Amino acid sequence: MNHLSAQTIQHLMRKHHKTIRGIAKDWNLTLKRVRYVRQHGVEGDVFVMDWLEILTGDPGPMPSWVARRD
């Protein structure tokens, strides 16, 4: 998955009881950045993984290009 739409982000925020202020505080982001993502969504594998973790607590499946230490 390489993008999250604004509608999906808004849905996940409601479902997981996340607020703009709460996300900004917990993840050291600006309110402006959280509002922007909420209105426009995000693109790119890394950004999608980050925002899935921010919104759900789970980053989702790791892409094959992520190095794993054994």
PDB file of N, CA and C in Angstrom:
ATOM      1  N   MET A   1       0.854  -1.168   0.000  1.00  0.00           N
ATOM      2  CA  MET A   1       0.000   0.000   0.000  1.00  0.00           C
ATOM      3  C   MET A   1       0.903   1.235   0.000  1.00  0.00           C
ATOM      4  N   ASN A   2       0.705   2.121  -0.949  1.00  0.00           N
ATOM      5  CA  ASN A   2       1.587   3.283  -1.021  1.00  0.00           C
ATOM      6  C   ASN A   2       0.861   4.614  -0.815  1.00  0.00           C
ATOM      7  N   HIS A   3      -0.410   4.566  -0.401  1.00  0.00           N
ATOM      8  CA  HIS A   3      -1.102   5.812  -0.068  1.00  0.00           C
ATOM      9  C   HIS A   3      -2.253   5.556   0.901  1.00  0.00           C
ATOM     10  N   LEU A   4      -2.570   6.584   1.682  1.00  0.00           N
ATOM     11  CA  LEU A   4      -3.750   6.591   2.535  1.00  0.00           C
ATOM     12  C   LEU A   4      -4.521   7.851   2.179  1.00  0.00           C
ATOM     13  N   SER A   5      -5.770   7.705   1.852  1.00  0.00           N
ATOM     14  CA  SER A   5      -6.576   8.866   1.496  1.00  0.00           C
ATOM     15  C   SER A   5      -6.960   9.643   2.744  1.00  0.00           C
ATOM     16  N   ALA A   6      -7.348  10.887   2.549  1.00  0.00           N
ATOM     17  CA  ALA A   6      -7.798  11.722   3.657  1.00  0.00           C
ATOM     18  C   ALA A   6      -9.017  11.088   4.337  1.00  0.00           C
ATOM     19  N   GLN A   7      -9.900  10.534   3.539  1.00  0.00           N
ATOM     20  CA  GLN A   7     -11.097   9.898   4.083  1.00  0.00           C
ATOM     21  C   GLN A   7     -10.735   8.703   4.969  1.00  0.00           C
ATOM     22  N   THR A   8      -9.776   7.906   4.552  1.00  0.00           N
ATOM     23  CA  THR A   8      -9.329   6.753   5.342  1.00  0.00           C
ATOM     24  C   THR A   8      -8.696   7.210   6.646  1.00  0.00           C
ATOM     25  N   ILE A   9      -7.881   8.239   6.597  1.00  0.00           N
ATOM     26  CA  ILE A   9      -7.234   8.758   7.806  1.00  0.00           C
ATOM     27  C   ILE A   9      -8.275   9.278   8.787  1.00  0.00           C
ATOM     28  N   GLN A  10      -9.257  10.010   8.288  1.00  0.00           N
ATOM     29  CA  GLN A  10     -10.314  10.519   9.156  1.00  0.00           C
ATOM     30  C   GLN A  10     -11.098   9.369   9.794  1.00  0.00           C
ATOM     31  N   HIS A  11     -11.377   8.341   9.010  1.00  0.00           N
ATOM     32  CA  HIS A  11     -12.097   7.173   9.519  1.00  0.00           C
ATOM     33  C   HIS A  11     -11.290   6.477  10.622  1.00  0.00           C
ATOM     34  N   LEU A  12      -9.993   6.268  10.381  1.00  0.00           N
ATOM     35  CA  LEU A  12      -9.156   5.601  11.376  1.00  0.00           C
ATOM     36  C   LEU A  12      -9.007   6.440  12.644  1.00  0.00           C
ATOM     37  N   MET A  13      -8.951   7.753  12.498  1.00  0.00           N
ATOM     38  CA  MET A  13      -8.875   8.615  13.678  1.00  0.00           C
ATOM     39  C   MET A  13     -10.117   8.460  14.537  1.00  0.00           C
ATOM     40  N   ARG A  14     -11.275   8.437  13.901  1.00  0.00           N
ATOM     41  CA  ARG A  14     -12.526   8.261  14.655  1.00  0.00           C
ATOM     42  C   ARG A  14     -12.596   6.880  15.296  1.00  0.00           C
ATOM     43  N   LYS A  15     -12.249   5.867  14.527  1.00  0.00           N
ATOM     44  CA  LYS A  15     -12.346   4.479  14.994  1.00  0.00           C
ATOM     45  C   LYS A  15     -11.442   4.225  16.199  1.00  0.00           C
ATOM     46  N   HIS A  16     -10.250   4.822  16.201  1.00  0.00           N
ATOM     47  CA  HIS A  16      -9.283   4.581  17.264  1.00  0.00           C
ATOM     48  C   HIS A  16      -9.235   5.724  18.282  1.00  0.00           C
ATOM     49  N   HIS A  17     -10.214   6.614  18.216  1.00  0.00           N
ATOM     50  CA  HIS A  17     -10.357   7.715  19.182  1.00  0.00           C
ATOM     51  C   HIS A  17      -9.095   8.574  19.273  1.00  0.00           C
ATOM     52  N   LYS A  18      -8.580   8.957  18.118  1.00  0.00           N
ATOM     53  CA  LYS A  18      -7.393   9.804  18.055  1.00  0.00           C
ATOM     54  C   LYS A  18      -7.816  11.232  17.734  1.00  0.00           C
ATOM     55  N   THR A  19      -7.211  12.187  18.422  1.00  0.00           N
ATOM     56  CA  THR A  19      -7.479  13.597  18.144  1.00  0.00           C
ATOM     57  C   THR A  19      -6.246  14.214  17.482  1.00  0.00           C
ATOM     58  N   ILE A  20      -6.458  15.331  16.828  1.00  0.00           N
ATOM     59  CA  ILE A  20      -5.345  16.040  16.194  1.00  0.00           C
ATOM     60  C   ILE A  20      -4.310  16.414  17.250  1.00  0.00           C
ATOM     61  N   ARG A  21      -4.785  16.985  18.348  1.00  0.00           N
ATOM     62  CA  ARG A  21      -3.881  17.405  19.417  1.00  0.00           C
ATOM     63  C   ARG A  21      -3.165  16.212  20.057  1.00  0.00           C
ATOM     64  N   GLY A  22      -3.878  15.121  20.256  1.00  0.00           N
ATOM     65  CA  GLY A  22      -3.281  13.930  20.853  1.00  0.00           C
ATOM     66  C   GLY A  22      -2.187  13.334  19.991  1.00  0.00           C
ATOM     67  N   ILE A  23      -2.436  13.249  18.689  1.00  0.00           N
ATOM     68  CA  ILE A  23      -1.416  12.731  17.761  1.00  0.00           C
ATOM     69  C   ILE A  23      -0.198  13.643  17.763  1.00  0.00           C
ATOM     70  N   ALA A  24      -0.435  14.950  17.687  1.00  0.00           N
ATOM     71  CA  ALA A  24       0.674  15.907  17.657  1.00  0.00           C
ATOM     72  C   ALA A  24       1.529  15.787  18.917  1.00  0.00           C
ATOM     73  N   LYS A  25       0.891  15.649  20.068  1.00  0.00           N
ATOM     74  CA  LYS A  25       1.620  15.557  21.328  1.00  0.00           C
ATOM     75  C   LYS A  25       2.379  14.235  21.440  1.00  0.00           C
ATOM     76  N   ASP A  26       1.702  13.126  21.176  1.00  0.00           N
ATOM     77  CA  ASP A  26       2.308  11.806  21.340  1.00  0.00           C
ATOM     78  C   ASP A  26       3.443  11.546  20.361  1.00  0.00           C
ATOM     79  N   TRP A  27       3.348  12.083  19.153  1.00  0.00           N
ATOM     80  CA  TRP A  27       4.322  11.779  18.114  1.00  0.00           C
ATOM     81  C   TRP A  27       5.217  12.962  17.762  1.00  0.00           C
ATOM     82  N   ASN A  28       5.136  14.028  18.572  1.00  0.00           N
ATOM     83  CA  ASN A  28       5.995  15.200  18.378  1.00  0.00           C
ATOM     84  C   ASN A  28       5.853  15.780  16.962  1.00  0.00           C
ATOM     85  N   LEU A  29       4.610  15.925  16.522  1.00  0.00           N
ATOM     86  CA  LEU A  29       4.303  16.529  15.230  1.00  0.00           C
ATOM     87  C   LEU A  29       3.622  17.868  15.479  1.00  0.00           C
ATOM     88  N   THR A  30       3.649  18.729  14.476  1.00  0.00           N
ATOM     89  CA  THR A  30       2.926  19.991  14.625  1.00  0.00           C
ATOM     90  C   THR A  30       1.445  19.765  14.346  1.00  0.00           C
ATOM     91  N   LEU A  31       0.620  20.611  14.939  1.00  0.00           N
ATOM     92  CA  LEU A  31      -0.819  20.547  14.662  1.00  0.00           C
ATOM     93  C   LEU A  31      -1.070  20.781  13.178  1.00  0.00           C
ATOM     94  N   LYS A  32      -0.284  21.676  12.582  1.00  0.00           N
ATOM     95  CA  LYS A  32      -0.421  21.988  11.160  1.00  0.00           C
ATOM     96  C   LYS A  32      -0.190  20.738  10.305  1.00  0.00           C
ATOM     97  N   ARG A  33       0.836  19.947  10.643  1.00  0.00           N
ATOM     98  CA  ARG A  33       1.135  18.732   9.877  1.00  0.00           C
ATOM     99  C   ARG A  33       0.012  17.705  10.006  1.00  0.00           C
ATOM    100  N   VAL A  34      -0.495  17.519  11.216  1.00  0.00           N
ATOM    101  CA  VAL A  34      -1.570  16.553  11.419  1.00  0.00           C
ATOM    102  C   VAL A  34      -2.825  16.993  10.658  1.00  0.00           C
ATOM    103  N   ARG A  35      -3.146  18.271  10.716  1.00  0.00           N
ATOM    104  CA  ARG A  35      -4.313  18.772   9.964  1.00  0.00           C
ATOM    105  C   ARG A  35      -4.121  18.585   8.460  1.00  0.00           C
ATOM    106  N   TYR A  36      -2.907  18.847   7.961  1.00  0.00           N
ATOM    107  CA  TYR A  36      -2.625  18.695   6.537  1.00  0.00           C
ATOM    108  C   TYR A  36      -2.831  17.247   6.096  1.00  0.00           C
ATOM    109  N   VAL A  37      -2.283  16.311   6.857  1.00  0.00           N
ATOM    110  CA  VAL A  37      -2.422  14.893   6.516  1.00  0.00           C
ATOM    111  C   VAL A  37      -3.886  14.488   6.585  1.00  0.00           C
ATOM    112  N   ARG A  38      -4.605  14.994   7.569  1.00  0.00           N
ATOM    113  CA  ARG A  38      -6.029  14.676   7.705  1.00  0.00           C
ATOM    114  C   ARG A  38      -6.827  15.182   6.493  1.00  0.00           C
ATOM    115  N   GLN A  39      -6.421  16.293   5.920  1.00  0.00           N
ATOM    116  CA  GLN A  39      -7.131  16.861   4.767  1.00  0.00           C
ATOM    117  C   GLN A  39      -6.664  16.301   3.428  1.00  0.00           C
ATOM    118  N   HIS A  40      -5.383  15.919   3.321  1.00  0.00           N
ATOM    119  CA  HIS A  40      -4.817  15.531   2.025  1.00  0.00           C
ATOM    120  C   HIS A  40      -4.370  14.086   1.908  1.00  0.00           C
ATOM    121  N   GLY A  41      -4.223  13.399   3.038  1.00  0.00           N
ATOM    122  CA  GLY A  41      -3.731  12.023   3.002  1.00  0.00           C
ATOM    123  C   GLY A  41      -2.217  11.989   2.887  1.00  0.00           C
ATOM    124  N   VAL A  42      -1.673  10.779   2.735  1.00  0.00           N
ATOM    125  CA  VAL A  42      -0.225  10.610   2.588  1.00  0.00           C
ATOM    126  C   VAL A  42       0.063   9.620   1.470  1.00  0.00           C
ATOM    127  N   GLU A  43       1.249   9.778   0.865  1.00  0.00           N
ATOM    128  CA  GLU A  43       1.706   8.865  -0.181  1.00  0.00           C
ATOM    129  C   GLU A  43       3.111   8.400   0.140  1.00  0.00           C
ATOM    130  N   GLY A  44       3.408   7.179  -0.254  1.00  0.00           N
ATOM    131  CA  GLY A  44       4.734   6.613  -0.036  1.00  0.00           C
ATOM    132  C   GLY A  44       4.687   5.542   1.033  1.00  0.00           C
ATOM    133  N   ASP A  45       5.384   4.449   0.771  1.00  0.00           N
ATOM    134  CA  ASP A  45       5.353   3.298   1.680  1.00  0.00           C
ATOM    135  C   ASP A  45       5.736   3.652   3.111  1.00  0.00           C
ATOM    136  N   VAL A  46       6.802   4.420   3.273  1.00  0.00           N
ATOM    137  CA  VAL A  46       7.283   4.747   4.615  1.00  0.00           C
ATOM    138  C   VAL A  46       6.278   5.635   5.346  1.00  0.00           C
ATOM    139  N   PHE A  47       5.731   6.630   4.646  1.00  0.00           N
ATOM    140  CA  PHE A  47       4.752   7.507   5.273  1.00  0.00           C
ATOM    141  C   PHE A  47       3.486   6.750   5.655  1.00  0.00           C
ATOM    142  N   VAL A  48       3.062   5.848   4.791  1.00  0.00           N
ATOM    143  CA  VAL A  48       1.871   5.044   5.091  1.00  0.00           C
ATOM    144  C   VAL A  48       2.114   4.176   6.322  1.00  0.00           C
ATOM    145  N   MET A  49       3.275   3.544   6.406  1.00  0.00           N
ATOM    146  CA  MET A  49       3.591   2.724   7.580  1.00  0.00           C
ATOM    147  C   MET A  49       3.603   3.579   8.850  1.00  0.00           C
ATOM    148  N   ASP A  50       4.208   4.755   8.769  1.00  0.00           N
ATOM    149  CA  ASP A  50       4.257   5.647   9.930  1.00  0.00           C
ATOM    150  C   ASP A  50       2.856   6.044  10.380  1.00  0.00           C
ATOM    151  N   TRP A  51       2.015   6.442   9.436  1.00  0.00           N
ATOM    152  CA  TRP A  51       0.676   6.904   9.802  1.00  0.00           C
ATOM    153  C   TRP A  51      -0.228   5.760  10.246  1.00  0.00           C
ATOM    154  N   LEU A  52      -0.041   4.581   9.714  1.00  0.00           N
ATOM    155  CA  LEU A  52      -0.808   3.436  10.223  1.00  0.00           C
ATOM    156  C   LEU A  52      -0.428   3.151  11.674  1.00  0.00           C
ATOM    157  N   GLU A  53       0.853   3.251  11.984  1.00  0.00           N
ATOM    158  CA  GLU A  53       1.280   3.052  13.365  1.00  0.00           C
ATOM    159  C   GLU A  53       0.745   4.159  14.267  1.00  0.00           C
ATOM    160  N   ILE A  54       0.785   5.394  13.807  1.00  0.00           N
ATOM    161  CA  ILE A  54       0.273   6.516  14.586  1.00  0.00           C
ATOM    162  C   ILE A  54      -1.213   6.321  14.888  1.00  0.00           C
ATOM    163  N   LEU A  55      -1.968   5.890  13.895  1.00  0.00           N
ATOM    164  CA  LEU A  55      -3.421   5.808  14.046  1.00  0.00           C
ATOM    165  C   LEU A  55      -3.905   4.520  14.700  1.00  0.00           C
ATOM    166  N   THR A  56      -3.203   3.415  14.483  1.00  0.00           N
ATOM    167  CA  THR A  56      -3.708   2.128  14.973  1.00  0.00           C
ATOM    168  C   THR A  56      -2.791   1.468  15.991  1.00  0.00           C
ATOM    169  N   GLY A  57      -1.553   1.914  16.073  1.00  0.00           N
ATOM    170  CA  GLY A  57      -0.587   1.266  16.950  1.00  0.00           C
ATOM    171  C   GLY A  57       0.135   0.114  16.276  1.00  0.00           C
ATOM    172  N   ASP A  58      -0.252  -0.216  15.053  1.00  0.00           N
ATOM    173  CA  ASP A  58       0.350  -1.328  14.299  1.00  0.00           C
ATOM    174  C   ASP A  58       0.787  -0.805  12.934  1.00  0.00           C
ATOM    175  N   PRO A  59       2.093  -0.908  12.599  1.00  0.00           N
ATOM    176  CA  PRO A  59       2.537  -0.381  11.312  1.00  0.00           C
ATOM    177  C   PRO A  59       2.114  -1.214  10.102  1.00  0.00           C
ATOM    178  N   GLY A  60       1.545  -2.386  10.341  1.00  0.00           N
ATOM    179  CA  GLY A  60       1.125  -3.233   9.231  1.00  0.00           C
ATOM    180  C   GLY A  60       2.262  -4.120   8.766  1.00  0.00           C
ATOM    181  N   PRO A  61       2.049  -4.820   7.675  1.00  0.00           N
ATOM    182  CA  PRO A  61       3.090  -5.730   7.184  1.00  0.00           C
ATOM    183  C   PRO A  61       4.312  -4.952   6.702  1.00  0.00           C
ATOM    184  N   MET A  62       5.475  -5.500   6.992  1.00  0.00           N
ATOM    185  CA  MET A  62       6.721  -4.854   6.577  1.00  0.00           C
ATOM    186  C   MET A  62       7.002  -5.179   5.116  1.00  0.00           C
ATOM    187  N   PRO A  63       7.379  -4.170   4.328  1.00  0.00           N
ATOM    188  CA  PRO A  63       7.736  -4.418   2.931  1.00  0.00           C
ATOM    189  C   PRO A  63       8.996  -5.271   2.836  1.00  0.00           C
ATOM    190  N   SER A  64       9.190  -5.906   1.716  1.00  0.00           N
ATOM    191  CA  SER A  64      10.329  -6.804   1.543  1.00  0.00           C
ATOM    192  C   SER A  64      11.666  -6.072   1.580  1.00  0.00           C
ATOM    193  N   TRP A  65      11.689  -4.771   1.276  1.00  0.00           N
ATOM    194  CA  TRP A  65      12.952  -4.039   1.233  1.00  0.00           C
ATOM    195  C   TRP A  65      13.430  -3.623   2.620  1.00  0.00           C
ATOM    196  N   VAL A  66      12.631  -3.838   3.661  1.00  0.00           N
ATOM    197  CA  VAL A  66      13.056  -3.499   5.018  1.00  0.00           C
ATOM    198  C   VAL A  66      14.011  -4.580   5.512  1.00  0.00           C
ATOM    199  N   ALA A  67      15.193  -4.169   5.921  1.00  0.00           N
ATOM    200  CA  ALA A  67      16.200  -5.123   6.408  1.00  0.00           C
ATOM    201  C   ALA A  67      15.795  -5.647   7.776  1.00  0.00           C
ATOM    202  N   ARG A  68      15.922  -6.943   7.953  1.00  0.00           N
ATOM    203  CA  ARG A  68      15.604  -7.575   9.225  1.00  0.00           C
ATOM    204  C   ARG A  68      16.866  -8.148   9.824  1.00  0.00           C
ATOM    205  N   ARG A  69      17.063  -7.888  11.113  1.00  0.00           N
ATOM    206  CA  ARG A  69      18.227  -8.450  11.808  1.00  0.00           C
ATOM    207  C   ARG A  69      17.822  -9.748  12.473  1.00  0.00           C
ATOM    208  N   ASP A  70      18.637 -10.754  12.319  1.00  0.00           N
ATOM    209  CA  ASP A  70      18.351 -12.051  12.943  1.00  0.00           C
ATOM    210  C   ASP A  70      19.273 -12.314  14.096  1.00  0.00           C
TER     211      ASP A  70
END
